[in-house]
Amino acid sequence: MFQIPAKAIVEVSPALNTTPPTYLAYIEWFSTLSGIPDPKHRMFRVSRSMRDGRRHAAVIPVDLVVCSVHLFPRFGPLVPKEWNSFTVLEECQAFYINPFTDVSSYLTFA
C-alpha cells in the first residue's frame, strides 16, 4: 500500500482534472479458482498470471481490494533448497489459497 505525493502528481500530470485515489495498492494477479477445491485438503490451487513472460500486476485504489488471502506454497515431492520464508513467494509459481485462516476466508472459499 502506498500513496503518491501531491507534488509528484503535479510534476507528472499537471493537467490532471481529477484527484487520484489517496491510497494505492500494488497487486499481482493469479489464475482464477477452479470450481472444486483439492479433495485432500479443501484448498484451491492458483498460479501466477503471466503476460509476455512477466508477472501480471497492477496498481489499484485500495478501496477496490476485497480481501487478502493466505497463500500456501504448492510443494512438489522435494522442496527446492533455495526456498525459505523470505524467498518462497518469489520462487514458487503455484500456490493453494488457505481458506482456514479466518472465518471470512472460510465463508468465502469453502
Protein backbone atom coordinates (compact mmCIF):
# COMPACT_ATOMS: atom_id res chain seq x y z
CA MET A 1 0.00 0.00 0.00
CA PHE A 2 1.36 3.40 -0.88
CA GLN A 3 0.49 6.99 -1.65
CA ILE A 4 1.68 9.26 -4.46
CA PRO A 5 2.75 12.67 -3.08
CA ALA A 6 0.70 15.59 -4.46
CA LYS A 7 3.91 17.26 -5.68
CA ALA A 8 4.74 14.24 -7.82
CA ILE A 9 1.25 14.18 -9.36
CA VAL A 10 1.57 17.82 -10.39
CA GLU A 11 5.01 17.20 -11.91
CA VAL A 12 3.95 14.10 -13.84
CA SER A 13 0.50 15.20 -14.93
CA PRO A 14 -0.14 18.92 -14.35
CA ALA A 15 -3.31 18.87 -16.49
CA LEU A 16 -4.96 16.09 -14.49
CA ASN A 17 -8.55 17.24 -13.98
CA THR A 18 -9.39 14.73 -11.29
CA THR A 19 -7.97 13.89 -7.90
CA PRO A 20 -6.36 10.44 -7.94
CA PRO A 21 -7.12 7.98 -5.15
CA THR A 22 -5.30 8.74 -1.91
CA TYR A 23 -4.09 5.19 -1.24
CA LEU A 24 -3.00 2.68 -3.84
CA ALA A 25 -2.01 -0.98 -3.71
CA TYR A 26 0.39 -2.95 -5.89
CA ILE A 27 -1.14 -6.34 -6.61
CA GLU A 28 -0.09 -9.38 -8.60
CA TRP A 29 -2.78 -11.32 -10.41
CA PHE A 30 -3.22 -15.08 -10.15
CA SER A 31 -5.25 -17.59 -12.12
CA THR A 32 -8.95 -17.96 -11.47
CA LEU A 33 -10.05 -20.60 -8.98
CA SER A 34 -11.05 -23.99 -10.26
CA GLY A 35 -14.62 -24.92 -9.44
CA ILE A 36 -13.64 -27.62 -6.97
CA PRO A 37 -11.04 -27.48 -4.17
CA ASP A 38 -8.46 -30.24 -3.83
CA PRO A 39 -10.24 -33.18 -2.16
CA LYS A 40 -7.29 -33.92 0.15
CA HIS A 41 -7.13 -30.57 1.94
CA ARG A 42 -10.03 -28.48 0.56
CA MET A 43 -7.77 -25.70 -0.72
CA PHE A 44 -7.99 -24.12 -4.19
CA ARG A 45 -4.92 -24.10 -6.41
CA VAL A 46 -3.81 -20.88 -8.10
CA SER A 47 -0.77 -19.96 -10.17
CA ARG A 48 0.79 -16.69 -11.20
CA SER A 49 -0.83 -14.92 -14.11
CA MET A 50 1.79 -14.02 -16.71
CA ARG A 51 1.77 -11.63 -19.67
CA ASP A 52 4.60 -11.50 -22.18
CA GLY A 53 6.76 -13.57 -19.81
CA ARG A 54 6.24 -11.18 -16.90
CA ARG A 55 4.03 -11.29 -13.85
CA HIS A 56 0.66 -9.71 -14.49
CA ALA A 57 0.44 -6.91 -11.92
CA ALA A 58 -1.49 -3.69 -11.40
CA VAL A 59 -1.75 -0.64 -9.20
CA ILE A 60 -5.30 -0.17 -7.97
CA PRO A 61 -7.10 2.03 -5.43
CA VAL A 62 -7.10 0.35 -2.01
CA ASP A 63 -10.89 0.75 -1.97
CA LEU A 64 -11.09 -1.97 -4.65
CA VAL A 65 -9.28 -4.56 -2.53
CA VAL A 66 -11.87 -7.03 -1.29
CA CYS A 67 -9.61 -9.10 0.94
CA SER A 68 -6.15 -10.54 1.26
CA VAL A 69 -5.51 -14.26 1.08
CA HIS A 70 -3.05 -16.60 2.72
CA LEU A 71 -1.05 -18.34 0.00
CA PHE A 72 0.37 -21.74 0.86
CA PRO A 73 3.17 -22.89 -1.48
CA ARG A 74 2.40 -25.91 -3.62
CA PHE A 75 5.27 -28.18 -2.75
CA GLY A 76 6.30 -30.98 -5.06
CA PRO A 77 7.97 -34.19 -3.94
CA LEU A 78 11.06 -32.14 -3.00
CA VAL A 79 11.24 -28.60 -1.67
CA PRO A 80 13.92 -26.59 -3.51
CA LYS A 81 16.79 -25.79 -1.14
CA GLU A 82 16.81 -22.10 -2.12
CA TRP A 83 13.24 -21.67 -0.82
CA ASN A 84 12.96 -20.10 2.60
CA SER A 85 10.45 -17.84 4.32
CA PHE A 86 11.96 -14.82 2.56
CA THR A 87 12.13 -16.23 -0.99
CA VAL A 88 9.27 -18.71 -1.36
CA LEU A 89 6.71 -16.15 -2.57
CA GLU A 90 9.11 -15.09 -5.31
CA GLU A 91 10.38 -18.55 -6.25
CA CYS A 92 7.20 -20.62 -6.11
CA GLN A 93 4.87 -20.45 -9.11
CA ALA A 94 1.84 -22.38 -7.81
CA PHE A 95 0.05 -21.95 -4.51
CA TYR A 96 -3.02 -23.01 -2.61
CA ILE A 97 -5.37 -20.46 -1.10
CA ASN A 98 -5.78 -21.32 2.56
CA PRO A 99 -9.48 -20.93 3.44
CA PHE A 100 -8.87 -21.82 7.09
CA THR A 101 -7.07 -18.62 8.20
CA ASP A 102 -10.21 -16.90 9.48
CA VAL A 103 -13.99 -17.12 9.37
CA SER A 104 -14.31 -14.65 6.49
CA SER A 105 -11.89 -16.64 4.30
CA TYR A 106 -13.63 -19.87 5.19
CA LEU A 107 -17.04 -18.50 4.24
CA THR A 108 -15.66 -17.01 1.03
CA PHE A 109 -13.78 -20.07 -0.22
CA ALA A 110 -15.36 -23.08 1.49
